[in-house]
PDB file of N, CA and C in Angstrom:
ATOM      1  N   UNK A   1      15.604   0.564  -2.907  1.00  0.00           N
ATOM      2  CA  UNK A   1      14.199   0.356  -2.555  1.00  0.00           C
ATOM      3  C   UNK A   1      13.701   0.485  -1.272  1.00  0.00           C
ATOM      4  N   UNK A   2      14.005   1.408  -0.526  1.00  0.00           N
ATOM      5  CA  UNK A   2      13.224   1.415   1.145  1.00  0.00           C
ATOM      6  C   UNK A   2      12.288   0.138   1.308  1.00  0.00           C
ATOM      7  N   UNK A   3      12.700  -0.410   2.377  1.00  0.00           N
ATOM      8  CA  UNK A   3      11.720  -1.371   2.858  1.00  0.00           C
ATOM      9  C   UNK A   3      10.773  -0.751   3.487  1.00  0.00           C
ATOM     10  N   UNK A   4       9.227  -0.389   3.328  1.00  0.00           N
ATOM     11  CA  UNK A   4       8.705   0.396   3.829  1.00  0.00           C
ATOM     12  C   UNK A   4       7.344  -0.524   4.607  1.00  0.00           C
ATOM     13  N   UNK A   5       7.688  -1.611   4.567  1.00  0.00           N
ATOM     14  CA  UNK A   5       6.324  -2.059   5.380  1.00  0.00           C
ATOM     15  C   UNK A   5       6.811  -1.963   6.970  1.00  0.00           C
ATOM     16  N   UNK A   6       5.437  -2.515   7.376  1.00  0.00           N
ATOM     17  CA  UNK A   6       5.060  -1.452   8.799  1.00  0.00           C
ATOM     18  C   UNK A   6       5.452  -0.602   9.523  1.00  0.00           C
ATOM     19  N   UNK A   7       5.511   0.502   8.137  1.00  0.00           N
ATOM     20  CA  UNK A   7       5.393   1.840   8.493  1.00  0.00           C
ATOM     21  C   UNK A   7       4.085   2.396   8.048  1.00  0.00           C
ATOM     22  N   UNK A   8       4.176   3.926   8.315  1.00  0.00           N
ATOM     23  CA  UNK A   8       3.018   4.717   8.273  1.00  0.00           C
ATOM     24  C   UNK A   8       3.018   5.581   7.106  1.00  0.00           C
ATOM     25  N   UNK A   9       2.385   5.818   6.371  1.00  0.00           N
ATOM     26  CA  UNK A   9       1.803   7.073   5.075  1.00  0.00           C
ATOM     27  C   UNK A   9       0.873   7.976   5.778  1.00  0.00           C
ATOM     28  N   UNK A  10       0.735   9.300   6.157  1.00  0.00           N
ATOM     29  CA  UNK A  10       0.518  10.335   6.441  1.00  0.00           C
ATOM     30  C   UNK A  10       0.101  11.243   5.437  1.00  0.00           C
ATOM     31  N   UNK A  11      -1.194  11.310   4.924  1.00  0.00           N
ATOM     32  CA  UNK A  11      -1.495  12.257   4.326  1.00  0.00           C
ATOM     33  C   UNK A  11      -1.697  13.504   4.450  1.00  0.00           C
ATOM     34  N   UNK A  12      -2.664  13.162   5.619  1.00  0.00           N
ATOM     35  CA  UNK A  12      -3.089  14.602   6.887  1.00  0.00           C
ATOM     36  C   UNK A  12      -3.155  13.981   8.306  1.00  0.00           C
ATOM     37  N   UNK A  13      -3.915  14.650   9.562  1.00  0.00           N
ATOM     38  CA  UNK A  13      -4.063  14.178  10.666  1.00  0.00           C
ATOM     39  C   UNK A  13      -5.241  13.323  10.559  1.00  0.00           C
ATOM     40  N   UNK A  14      -5.968  13.230   9.344  1.00  0.00           N
ATOM     41  CA  UNK A  14      -7.027  12.413   9.452  1.00  0.00           C
ATOM     42  C   UNK A  14      -7.234  11.487   8.475  1.00  0.00           C
ATOM     43  N   UNK A  15      -5.530  11.321   7.967  1.00  0.00           N
ATOM     44  CA  UNK A  15      -5.558  10.311   7.055  1.00  0.00           C
ATOM     45  C   UNK A  15      -4.461   9.495   6.603  1.00  0.00           C
ATOM     46  N   UNK A  16      -4.237   8.206   7.203  1.00  0.00           N
ATOM     47  CA  UNK A  16      -3.184   8.087   7.986  1.00  0.00           C
ATOM     48  C   UNK A  16      -3.692   6.087   7.490  1.00  0.00           C
ATOM     49  N   UNK A  17      -2.156   5.677   6.412  1.00  0.00           N
ATOM     50  CA  UNK A  17      -2.127   4.248   5.716  1.00  0.00           C
ATOM     51  C   UNK A  17      -1.061   3.614   6.712  1.00  0.00           C
ATOM     52  N   UNK A  18      -1.575   2.562   6.849  1.00  0.00           N
ATOM     53  CA  UNK A  18      -0.395   1.591   7.265  1.00  0.00           C
ATOM     54  C   UNK A  18      -0.178   0.538   6.803  1.00  0.00           C
ATOM     55  N   UNK A  19       1.344   0.286   6.466  1.00  0.00           N
ATOM     56  CA  UNK A  19       1.879  -0.570   5.456  1.00  0.00           C
ATOM     57  C   UNK A  19       2.004  -2.051   5.272  1.00  0.00           C
ATOM     58  N   UNK A  20       0.846  -2.315   4.770  1.00  0.00           N
ATOM     59  CA  UNK A  20       1.259  -4.201   5.504  1.00  0.00           C
ATOM     60  C   UNK A  20       2.127  -4.733   4.564  1.00  0.00           C
ATOM     61  N   UNK A  21       2.483  -4.906   3.097  1.00  0.00           N
ATOM     62  CA  UNK A  21       3.189  -5.403   2.173  1.00  0.00           C
ATOM     63  C   UNK A  21       3.294  -4.555   1.406  1.00  0.00           C
ATOM     64  N   UNK A  22       4.736  -4.951   0.750  1.00  0.00           N
ATOM     65  CA  UNK A  22       5.392  -4.309  -0.271  1.00  0.00           C
ATOM     66  C   UNK A  22       5.785  -5.009  -1.866  1.00  0.00           C
ATOM     67  N   UNK A  23       5.768  -3.907  -2.797  1.00  0.00           N
ATOM     68  CA  UNK A  23       5.976  -5.247  -4.075  1.00  0.00           C
ATOM     69  C   UNK A  23       6.522  -4.300  -4.958  1.00  0.00           C
ATOM     70  N   UNK A  24       6.911  -4.807  -5.668  1.00  0.00           N
ATOM     71  CA  UNK A  24       7.707  -4.419  -7.081  1.00  0.00           C
ATOM     72  C   UNK A  24       7.327  -4.895  -8.596  1.00  0.00           C
ATOM     73  N   UNK A  25       6.567  -3.912  -9.227  1.00  0.00           N
ATOM     74  CA  UNK A  25       6.484  -4.244 -10.108  1.00  0.00           C
ATOM     75  C   UNK A  25       6.054  -3.599 -11.363  1.00  0.00           C
ATOM     76  N   UNK A  26       6.969  -3.961 -13.035  1.00  0.00           N
ATOM     77  CA  UNK A  26       7.281  -3.313 -13.794  1.00  0.00           C
ATOM     78  C   UNK A  26       8.224  -1.877 -13.010  1.00  0.00           C
ATOM     79  N   UNK A  27       9.292  -2.122 -12.590  1.00  0.00           N
ATOM     80  CA  UNK A  27       9.933  -1.195 -12.085  1.00  0.00           C
ATOM     81  C   UNK A  27       9.014   0.030 -10.414  1.00  0.00           C
ATOM     82  N   UNK A  28       8.169  -0.375  -9.977  1.00  0.00           N
ATOM     83  CA  UNK A  28       7.488   0.541  -9.551  1.00  0.00           C
ATOM     84  C   UNK A  28       6.984  -0.065  -8.497  1.00  0.00           C
ATOM     85  N   UNK A  29       7.273   0.961  -7.483  1.00  0.00           N
ATOM     86  CA  UNK A  29       7.001   0.530  -5.941  1.00  0.00           C
ATOM     87  C   UNK A  29       5.172   0.385  -6.093  1.00  0.00           C
ATOM     88  N   UNK A  30       4.786  -0.248  -4.752  1.00  0.00           N
ATOM     89  CA  UNK A  30       3.607  -0.639  -4.674  1.00  0.00           C
ATOM     90  C   UNK A  30       3.247  -1.203  -3.425  1.00  0.00           C
ATOM     91  N   UNK A  31       2.419  -0.764  -2.576  1.00  0.00           N
ATOM     92  CA  UNK A  31       2.098  -0.969  -1.045  1.00  0.00           C
ATOM     93  C   UNK A  31       0.553  -1.128  -0.888  1.00  0.00           C
ATOM     94  N   UNK A  32       0.743  -2.674  -0.310  1.00  0.00           N
ATOM     95  CA  UNK A  32      -0.915  -3.109   0.600  1.00  0.00           C
ATOM     96  C   UNK A  32      -1.143  -1.817   1.397  1.00  0.00           C
ATOM     97  N   UNK A  33      -2.247  -1.715   1.715  1.00  0.00           N
ATOM     98  CA  UNK A  33      -1.955  -0.538   3.155  1.00  0.00           C
ATOM     99  C   UNK A  33      -3.485  -0.599   4.203  1.00  0.00           C
ATOM    100  N   UNK A  34      -3.649  -0.300   4.617  1.00  0.00           N
ATOM    101  CA  UNK A  34      -4.945  -0.530   5.395  1.00  0.00           C
ATOM    102  C   UNK A  34      -5.194   1.098   5.967  1.00  0.00           C
ATOM    103  N   UNK A  35      -6.267   1.605   6.221  1.00  0.00           N
ATOM    104  CA  UNK A  35      -6.210   2.990   7.341  1.00  0.00           C
ATOM    105  C   UNK A  35      -6.733   2.845   8.500  1.00  0.00           C
ATOM    106  N   UNK A  36      -5.900   3.891   8.847  1.00  0.00           N
ATOM    107  CA  UNK A  36      -6.181   3.968  10.461  1.00  0.00           C
ATOM    108  C   UNK A  36      -6.786   5.081  10.629  1.00  0.00           C
ATOM    109  N   UNK A  37      -7.268   4.829  12.289  1.00  0.00           N
ATOM    110  CA  UNK A  37      -7.863   5.448  12.766  1.00  0.00           C
ATOM    111  C   UNK A  37      -7.030   7.203  13.183  1.00  0.00           C
ATOM    112  N   UNK A  38      -8.074   8.106  13.163  1.00  0.00           N
ATOM    113  CA  UNK A  38      -7.107   9.888  12.926  1.00  0.00           C
ATOM    114  C   UNK A  38      -6.058   9.608  14.615  1.00  0.00           C
ATOM    115  N   UNK A  39      -6.598   8.629  15.558  1.00  0.00           N
ATOM    116  CA  UNK A  39      -5.669   8.459  16.700  1.00  0.00           C
ATOM    117  C   UNK A  39      -4.573   7.784  16.509  1.00  0.00           C
ATOM    118  N   UNK A  40      -4.585   6.904  15.596  1.00  0.00           N
ATOM    119  CA  UNK A  40      -3.425   5.859  14.972  1.00  0.00           C
ATOM    120  C   UNK A  40      -3.356   4.467  16.045  1.00  0.00           C
ATOM    121  N   UNK A  41      -4.727   4.745  16.372  1.00  0.00           N
ATOM    122  CA  UNK A  41      -4.637   3.192  17.613  1.00  0.00           C
ATOM    123  C   UNK A  41      -5.514   2.364  16.758  1.00  0.00           C
ATOM    124  N   UNK A  42      -6.561   2.575  16.293  1.00  0.00           N
ATOM    125  CA  UNK A  42      -6.926   1.540  15.549  1.00  0.00           C
ATOM    126  C   UNK A  42      -7.115   0.914  13.535  1.00  0.00           C
ATOM    127  N   UNK A  43      -7.086   0.044  13.236  1.00  0.00           N
ATOM    128  CA  UNK A  43      -6.480  -0.389  12.123  1.00  0.00           C
ATOM    129  C   UNK A  43      -8.792  -0.275  11.490  1.00  0.00           C
ATOM    130  N   UNK A  44      -8.801   0.098  10.366  1.00  0.00           N
ATOM    131  CA  UNK A  44     -10.285   0.559   9.803  1.00  0.00           C
ATOM    132  C   UNK A  44     -10.421  -0.774   8.855  1.00  0.00           C
ATOM    133  N   UNK A  45     -11.673  -0.625   7.962  1.00  0.00           N
ATOM    134  CA  UNK A  45     -12.174  -1.456   7.188  1.00  0.00           C
ATOM    135  C   UNK A  45     -11.516  -1.239   6.304  1.00  0.00           C
ATOM    136  N   UNK A  46     -10.615  -0.385   5.500  1.00  0.00           N
ATOM    137  CA  UNK A  46     -10.557   0.545   4.344  1.00  0.00           C
ATOM    138  C   UNK A  46      -9.188   0.133   4.059  1.00  0.00           C
ATOM    139  N   UNK A  47      -9.279  -0.549   3.265  1.00  0.00           N
ATOM    140  CA  UNK A  47      -7.492  -0.887   2.218  1.00  0.00           C
ATOM    141  C   UNK A  47      -7.604  -0.406   0.932  1.00  0.00           C
ATOM    142  N   UNK A  48      -6.458  -0.208   0.711  1.00  0.00           N
ATOM    143  CA  UNK A  48      -5.971   0.276  -0.795  1.00  0.00           C
ATOM    144  C   UNK A  48      -4.358   0.035  -0.916  1.00  0.00           C
ATOM    145  N   UNK A  49      -4.587  -0.122  -2.333  1.00  0.00           N
ATOM    146  CA  UNK A  49      -2.867  -0.120  -3.437  1.00  0.00           C
ATOM    147  C   UNK A  49      -2.689   1.129  -3.735  1.00  0.00           C
ATOM    148  N   UNK A  50      -0.950   1.357  -2.975  1.00  0.00           N
ATOM    149  CA  UNK A  50      -0.922   2.634  -3.375  1.00  0.00           C
ATOM    150  C   UNK A  50       0.550   2.249  -4.370  1.00  0.00           C
ATOM    151  N   UNK A  51       0.935   3.108  -5.313  1.00  0.00           N
ATOM    152  CA  UNK A  51       1.938   2.998  -6.202  1.00  0.00           C
ATOM    153  C   UNK A  51       2.817   4.518  -5.313  1.00  0.00           C
ATOM    154  N   UNK A  52       4.032   4.839  -5.515  1.00  0.00           N
ATOM    155  CA  UNK A  52       5.026   5.714  -4.879  1.00  0.00           C
ATOM    156  C   UNK A  52       5.215   5.639  -6.484  1.00  0.00           C
ATOM    157  N   UNK A  53       5.556   7.570  -6.735  1.00  0.00           N
ATOM    158  CA  UNK A  53       6.301   8.115  -7.900  1.00  0.00           C
ATOM    159  C   UNK A  53       7.197   8.921  -7.119  1.00  0.00           C
ATOM    160  N   UNK A  54       8.255   9.107  -7.758  1.00  0.00           N
ATOM    161  CA  UNK A  54       9.433  10.249  -6.966  1.00  0.00           C
ATOM    162  C   UNK A  54       9.497  11.203  -7.919  1.00  0.00           C
ATOM    163  N   UNK A  55       9.526  12.374  -7.611  1.00  0.00           N
ATOM    164  CA  UNK A  55       9.367  13.287  -8.470  1.00  0.00           C
ATOM    165  C   UNK A  55      10.219  14.970  -7.818  1.00  0.00           C
ATOM    166  N   UNK A  56      11.353  15.235  -8.917  1.00  0.00           N
ATOM    167  CA  UNK A  56      12.049  16.262  -8.197  1.00  0.00           C
ATOM    168  C   UNK A  56      12.700  15.633  -6.880  1.00  0.00           C
ATOM    169  N   UNK A  57      12.777  14.280  -6.413  1.00  0.00           N
ATOM    170  CA  UNK A  57      13.240  14.160  -5.161  1.00  0.00           C
ATOM    171  C   UNK A  57      12.061  13.954  -3.996  1.00  0.00           C
ATOM    172  N   UNK A  58      11.088  14.438  -4.623  1.00  0.00           N
ATOM    173  CA  UNK A  58      10.283  14.242  -3.764  1.00  0.00           C
ATOM    174  C   UNK A  58       8.980  13.021  -3.598  1.00  0.00           C
ATOM    175  N   UNK A  59       8.540  12.158  -2.450  1.00  0.00           N
ATOM    176  CA  UNK A  59       8.002  10.829  -3.071  1.00  0.00           C
ATOM    177  C   UNK A  59       6.946  11.295  -3.044  1.00  0.00           C
ATOM    178  N   UNK A  60       5.641  10.798  -3.806  1.00  0.00           N
ATOM    179  CA  UNK A  60       4.309  11.171  -3.697  1.00  0.00           C
ATOM    180  C   UNK A  60       3.621   9.144  -4.030  1.00  0.00           C
ATOM    181  N   UNK A  61       2.511   9.284  -3.796  1.00  0.00           N
ATOM    182  CA  UNK A  61       1.460   8.041  -3.546  1.00  0.00           C
ATOM    183  C   UNK A  61       0.340   8.356  -4.366  1.00  0.00           C
ATOM    184  N   UNK A  62      -0.198   7.550  -5.546  1.00  0.00           N
ATOM    185  CA  UNK A  62      -1.559   7.290  -5.739  1.00  0.00           C
ATOM    186  C   UNK A  62      -2.133   6.448  -5.330  1.00  0.00           C
ATOM    187  N   UNK A  63      -3.444   6.595  -5.436  1.00  0.00           N
ATOM    188  CA  UNK A  63      -4.368   4.710  -5.451  1.00  0.00           C
ATOM    189  C   UNK A  63      -4.237   4.313  -6.666  1.00  0.00           C
ATOM    190  N   UNK A  64      -4.210   2.969  -6.689  1.00  0.00           N
ATOM    191  CA  UNK A  64      -4.132   2.325  -8.113  1.00  0.00           C
ATOM    192  C   UNK A  64      -5.527   1.548  -8.080  1.00  0.00           C
ATOM    193  N   UNK A  65      -6.389   2.024  -9.486  1.00  0.00           N
ATOM    194  CA  UNK A  65      -7.436   2.152  -9.496  1.00  0.00           C
ATOM    195  C   UNK A  65      -7.736   0.929 -10.323  1.00  0.00           C
ATOM    196  N   UNK A  66      -6.988   0.309 -11.895  1.00  0.00           N
ATOM    197  CA  UNK A  66      -6.867   0.121 -12.454  1.00  0.00           C
ATOM    198  C   UNK A  66      -7.364  -1.479 -12.093  1.00  0.00           C
ATOM    199  N   UNK A  67      -8.174  -1.978 -12.803  1.00  0.00           N
ATOM    200  CA  UNK A  67      -8.589  -3.632 -11.767  1.00  0.00           C
ATOM    201  C   UNK A  67      -7.909  -4.682 -12.604  1.00  0.00           C
ATOM    202  N   UNK A  68      -7.272  -4.451 -13.511  1.00  0.00           N
ATOM    203  CA  UNK A  68      -6.260  -5.212 -14.211  1.00  0.00           C
ATOM    204  C   UNK A  68      -4.846  -5.131 -13.735  1.00  0.00           C
ATOM    205  N   UNK A  69      -4.561  -4.058 -13.183  1.00  0.00           N
ATOM    206  CA  UNK A  69      -3.718  -4.257 -12.271  1.00  0.00           C
ATOM    207  C   UNK A  69      -3.244  -4.333 -10.802  1.00  0.00           C
ATOM    208  N   UNK A  70      -4.358  -3.616 -10.355  1.00  0.00           N
ATOM    209  CA  UNK A  70      -5.038  -4.525  -9.266  1.00  0.00           C
ATOM    210  C   UNK A  70      -5.324  -5.769  -8.941  1.00  0.00           C
ATOM    211  N   UNK A  71      -5.729  -6.610  -9.794  1.00  0.00           N
ATOM    212  CA  UNK A  71      -5.548  -7.779  -9.898  1.00  0.00           C
ATOM    213  C   UNK A  71      -4.156  -8.707  -9.895  1.00  0.00           C
ATOM    214  N   UNK A  72      -3.472  -8.391 -10.605  1.00  0.00           N
ATOM    215  CA  UNK A  72      -2.218  -8.153 -11.012  1.00  0.00           C
ATOM    216  C   UNK A  72      -1.208  -8.309  -8.935  1.00  0.00           C
ATOM    217  N   UNK A  73      -1.351  -7.234  -8.859  1.00  0.00           N
ATOM    218  CA  UNK A  73      -0.499  -6.938  -7.233  1.00  0.00           C
ATOM    219  C   UNK A  73      -1.283  -7.589  -6.565  1.00  0.00           C
ATOM    220  N   UNK A  74      -2.772  -7.581  -6.682  1.00  0.00           N
ATOM    221  CA  UNK A  74      -3.177  -8.749  -5.035  1.00  0.00           C
ATOM    222  C   UNK A  74      -2.257  -9.719  -5.194  1.00  0.00           C
ATOM    223  N   UNK A  75      -2.844 -10.221  -6.116  1.00  0.00           N
ATOM    224  CA  UNK A  75      -2.088 -11.786  -6.404  1.00  0.00           C
ATOM    225  C   UNK A  75      -1.106 -12.155  -5.881  1.00  0.00           C
ATOM    226  N   UNK A  76      -0.323 -11.204  -6.675  1.00  0.00           N
ATOM    227  CA  UNK A  76       1.222 -11.161  -6.000  1.00  0.00           C
ATOM    228  C   UNK A  76       1.785 -10.810  -4.670  1.00  0.00           C
ATOM    229  N   UNK A  77       0.881 -10.017  -3.668  1.00  0.00           N
ATOM    230  CA  UNK A  77       1.042  -9.650  -2.669  1.00  0.00           C
ATOM    231  C   UNK A  77       0.451 -10.277  -1.700  1.00  0.00           C
ATOM    232  N   UNK A  78      -0.279 -11.485  -2.445  1.00  0.00           N
ATOM    233  CA  UNK A  78      -1.055 -12.763  -1.405  1.00  0.00           C
ATOM    234  C   UNK A  78      -0.359 -13.555  -0.664  1.00  0.00           C
ATOM    235  N   UNK A  79       0.481 -13.938   0.053  1.00  0.00           N
ATOM    236  CA  UNK A  79       1.677 -14.847  -0.031  1.00  0.00           C
ATOM    237  C   UNK A  79       0.872 -16.212   1.012  1.00  0.00           C
ATOM    238  N   UNK A  80      -0.405 -16.248   0.962  1.00  0.00           N
ATOM    239  CA  UNK A  80      -0.817 -17.111   1.234  1.00  0.00           C
ATOM    240  C   UNK A  80      -0.845 -18.732   0.200  1.00  0.00           C
ATOM    241  N   UNK A  81      -0.511 -20.184   1.081  1.00  0.00           N
ATOM    242  CA  UNK A  81      -0.555 -20.644   0.330  1.00  0.00           C
ATOM    243  C   UNK A  81      -2.133 -21.345   0.115  1.00  0.00           C
ATOM    244  N   UNK A  82      -2.092 -22.263  -1.330  1.00  0.00           N
ATOM    245  CA  UNK A  82      -3.761 -22.546  -1.756  1.00  0.00           C
ATOM    246  C   UNK A  82      -4.569 -23.012  -0.931  1.00  0.00           C
ATOM    247  N   UNK A  83      -3.756 -23.885  -0.126  1.00  0.00           N
ATOM    248  CA  UNK A  83      -4.864 -24.753   0.828  1.00  0.00           C
ATOM    249  C   UNK A  83      -5.430 -23.458   2.212  1.00  0.00           C
ATOM    250  N   UNK A  84      -5.185 -22.261   2.128  1.00  0.00           N
ATOM    251  CA  UNK A  84      -5.360 -21.043   2.699  1.00  0.00           C
ATOM    252  C   UNK A  84      -6.451 -20.266   2.188  1.00  0.00           C
ATOM    253  N   UNK A  85      -6.459 -20.455   0.861  1.00  0.00           N
ATOM    254  CA  UNK A  85      -7.178 -19.948  -0.171  1.00  0.00           C
ATOM    255  C   UNK A  85      -9.146 -20.210  -0.412  1.00  0.00           C
TER     256      UNK A  85
END
């Protein structure tokens, strides 16, 4: 698994995401991301958890929408200690 933290995922010129954190859960790669502006200079307020999938040697990403899976992943990706929560 390649470390993709602090890298960009670009879907189009107007849709780019910066990877904040990365995790493996049930043999799948997941990324906590924040959308960036089209010029790439600022973060937006839009966050997403993306799942990486590989098919025919190509990488694909899909947004995680299942509340149960999101809850588990976000808890795992939250590295704050209890005093900060």
